[in-house]
Amino acid sequence: MEVGLIIKKVVMKTKIKTFNGQVINDDVEKSGIVVINKNSGGKVITNKDGYFQIGVRLNDSIYLRSVQIKTHYIIFGSSFLS
């Protein structure tokens, strides 16, 4: 199942930036989706509204996983983090 993702903002904290996002889908439960930074190993879980925050660096990859959705990947390139 496809899931939409809204990117709220990326806040700079030294070389690590905070990625704020929201999972958007009316057909699945938005809470409890695991968001994992493949590079750092950081993990967070979406709240009841699908919102999450996770630290990222240049060229990090995050993925969203849940039994109810297809896994989605995001790679943070220089244009994405500027």
C-alpha atoms as a PDB file:
ATOM      1  CA  MET A   1       0.000   0.000   0.000  1.00  0.00           C
ATOM      2  CA  GLU A   2       1.345   3.436  -0.932  1.00  0.00           C
ATOM      3  CA  VAL A   3       1.763   6.044   1.788  1.00  0.00           C
ATOM      4  CA  GLY A   4       2.145   9.806   1.369  1.00  0.00           C
ATOM      5  CA  LEU A   5       4.754  11.716   3.303  1.00  0.00           C
ATOM      6  CA  ILE A   6       4.714  15.409   4.166  1.00  0.00           C
ATOM      7  CA  ILE A   7       8.041  17.038   4.935  1.00  0.00           C
ATOM      8  CA  LYS A   8       7.478  19.760   7.502  1.00  0.00           C
ATOM      9  CA  LYS A   9      10.959  21.231   7.961  1.00  0.00           C
ATOM     10  CA  VAL A  10      14.562  20.325   8.536  1.00  0.00           C
ATOM     11  CA  VAL A  11      16.121  22.095  11.529  1.00  0.00           C
ATOM     12  CA  MET A  12      19.907  22.365  11.650  1.00  0.00           C
ATOM     13  CA  LYS A  13      21.745  21.220  14.781  1.00  0.00           C
ATOM     14  CA  THR A  14      25.480  21.235  13.963  1.00  0.00           C
ATOM     15  CA  LYS A  15      25.985  18.547  11.286  1.00  0.00           C
ATOM     16  CA  ILE A  16      22.882  16.644  12.345  1.00  0.00           C
ATOM     17  CA  LYS A  17      19.563  18.065  11.199  1.00  0.00           C
ATOM     18  CA  THR A  18      16.142  17.261  12.592  1.00  0.00           C
ATOM     19  CA  PHE A  19      13.792  15.926   9.947  1.00  0.00           C
ATOM     20  CA  ASN A  20      10.122  16.570  10.742  1.00  0.00           C
ATOM     21  CA  GLY A  21       7.659  14.534   8.717  1.00  0.00           C
ATOM     22  CA  GLN A  22       4.149  13.155   8.656  1.00  0.00           C
ATOM     23  CA  VAL A  23       2.775   9.966   7.159  1.00  0.00           C
ATOM     24  CA  ILE A  24      -0.417  10.645   5.192  1.00  0.00           C
ATOM     25  CA  ASN A  25      -2.837   7.845   4.293  1.00  0.00           C
ATOM     26  CA  ASP A  26      -6.541   7.472   5.024  1.00  0.00           C
ATOM     27  CA  ASP A  27      -6.499   3.681   4.628  1.00  0.00           C
ATOM     28  CA  VAL A  28      -3.977   2.694   7.313  1.00  0.00           C
ATOM     29  CA  GLU A  29      -3.343   3.450  10.973  1.00  0.00           C
ATOM     30  CA  LYS A  30      -0.761   6.263  10.969  1.00  0.00           C
ATOM     31  CA  SER A  31       0.490   5.663  14.500  1.00  0.00           C
ATOM     32  CA  GLY A  32       3.123   3.077  15.225  1.00  0.00           C
ATOM     33  CA  ILE A  33       4.961   3.235  11.896  1.00  0.00           C
ATOM     34  CA  VAL A  34       8.682   2.774  12.537  1.00  0.00           C
ATOM     35  CA  VAL A  35      11.036   5.340  10.998  1.00  0.00           C
ATOM     36  CA  ILE A  36      14.667   4.173  10.933  1.00  0.00           C
ATOM     37  CA  ASN A  37      17.852   6.040  10.012  1.00  0.00           C
ATOM     38  CA  LYS A  38      19.799   3.264   8.281  1.00  0.00           C
ATOM     39  CA  ASN A  39      23.133   5.055   8.756  1.00  0.00           C
ATOM     40  CA  SER A  40      22.949   6.049  12.427  1.00  0.00           C
ATOM     41  CA  GLY A  41      20.587   3.327  13.628  1.00  0.00           C
ATOM     42  CA  GLY A  42      18.259   5.938  15.137  1.00  0.00           C
ATOM     43  CA  LYS A  43      14.621   4.855  15.381  1.00  0.00           C
ATOM     44  CA  VAL A  44      11.382   6.665  16.116  1.00  0.00           C
ATOM     45  CA  ILE A  45       7.700   5.762  15.905  1.00  0.00           C
ATOM     46  CA  THR A  46       4.987   7.943  14.392  1.00  0.00           C
ATOM     47  CA  ASN A  47       2.421   9.414  16.774  1.00  0.00           C
ATOM     48  CA  LYS A  48      -1.373   9.049  16.432  1.00  0.00           C
ATOM     49  CA  ASP A  49      -1.452  11.710  13.698  1.00  0.00           C
ATOM     50  CA  GLY A  50       1.482  10.211  11.775  1.00  0.00           C
ATOM     51  CA  TYR A  51       4.036  12.860  12.838  1.00  0.00           C
ATOM     52  CA  PHE A  52       7.661  12.029  13.589  1.00  0.00           C
ATOM     53  CA  GLN A  53      11.096  13.636  14.075  1.00  0.00           C
ATOM     54  CA  ILE A  54      14.431  11.968  13.372  1.00  0.00           C
ATOM     55  CA  GLY A  55      18.028  13.186  13.144  1.00  0.00           C
ATOM     56  CA  VAL A  56      19.694  13.003   9.720  1.00  0.00           C
ATOM     57  CA  ARG A  57      23.005  13.918   8.100  1.00  0.00           C
ATOM     58  CA  LEU A  58      23.980  14.403   4.489  1.00  0.00           C
ATOM     59  CA  ASN A  59      23.543  11.156   2.493  1.00  0.00           C
ATOM     60  CA  ASP A  60      21.687   9.381   5.316  1.00  0.00           C
ATOM     61  CA  SER A  61      18.898   7.017   4.332  1.00  0.00           C
ATOM     62  CA  ILE A  62      15.736   6.618   6.350  1.00  0.00           C
ATOM     63  CA  TYR A  63      13.012   4.119   5.797  1.00  0.00           C
ATOM     64  CA  LEU A  64       9.473   3.745   7.045  1.00  0.00           C
ATOM     65  CA  ARG A  65       8.314   0.254   7.997  1.00  0.00           C
ATOM     66  CA  SER A  66       5.079  -1.276   9.139  1.00  0.00           C
ATOM     67  CA  VAL A  67       3.211  -4.508   8.507  1.00  0.00           C
ATOM     68  CA  GLN A  68       0.429  -2.491   6.894  1.00  0.00           C
ATOM     69  CA  ILE A  69       2.480  -0.488   4.337  1.00  0.00           C
ATOM     70  CA  LYS A  70       5.141  -0.989   1.703  1.00  0.00           C
ATOM     71  CA  THR A  71       8.607   0.079   2.955  1.00  0.00           C
ATOM     72  CA  HIS A  72       9.524   3.611   1.812  1.00  0.00           C
ATOM     73  CA  TYR A  73      13.079   4.980   1.540  1.00  0.00           C
ATOM     74  CA  ILE A  74      14.321   8.584   1.604  1.00  0.00           C
ATOM     75  CA  ILE A  75      17.937   9.598   0.928  1.00  0.00           C
ATOM     76  CA  PHE A  76      18.999  13.027   2.199  1.00  0.00           C
ATOM     77  CA  GLY A  77      21.124  14.654  -0.516  1.00  0.00           C
ATOM     78  CA  SER A  78      22.657  18.114  -0.351  1.00  0.00           C
ATOM     79  CA  SER A  79      19.701  19.834  -2.065  1.00  0.00           C
ATOM     80  CA  PHE A  80      17.303  18.257   0.421  1.00  0.00           C
ATOM     81  CA  LEU A  81      19.208  19.450   3.487  1.00  0.00           C
ATOM     82  CA  SER A  82      20.127  22.972   2.345  1.00  0.00           C
END
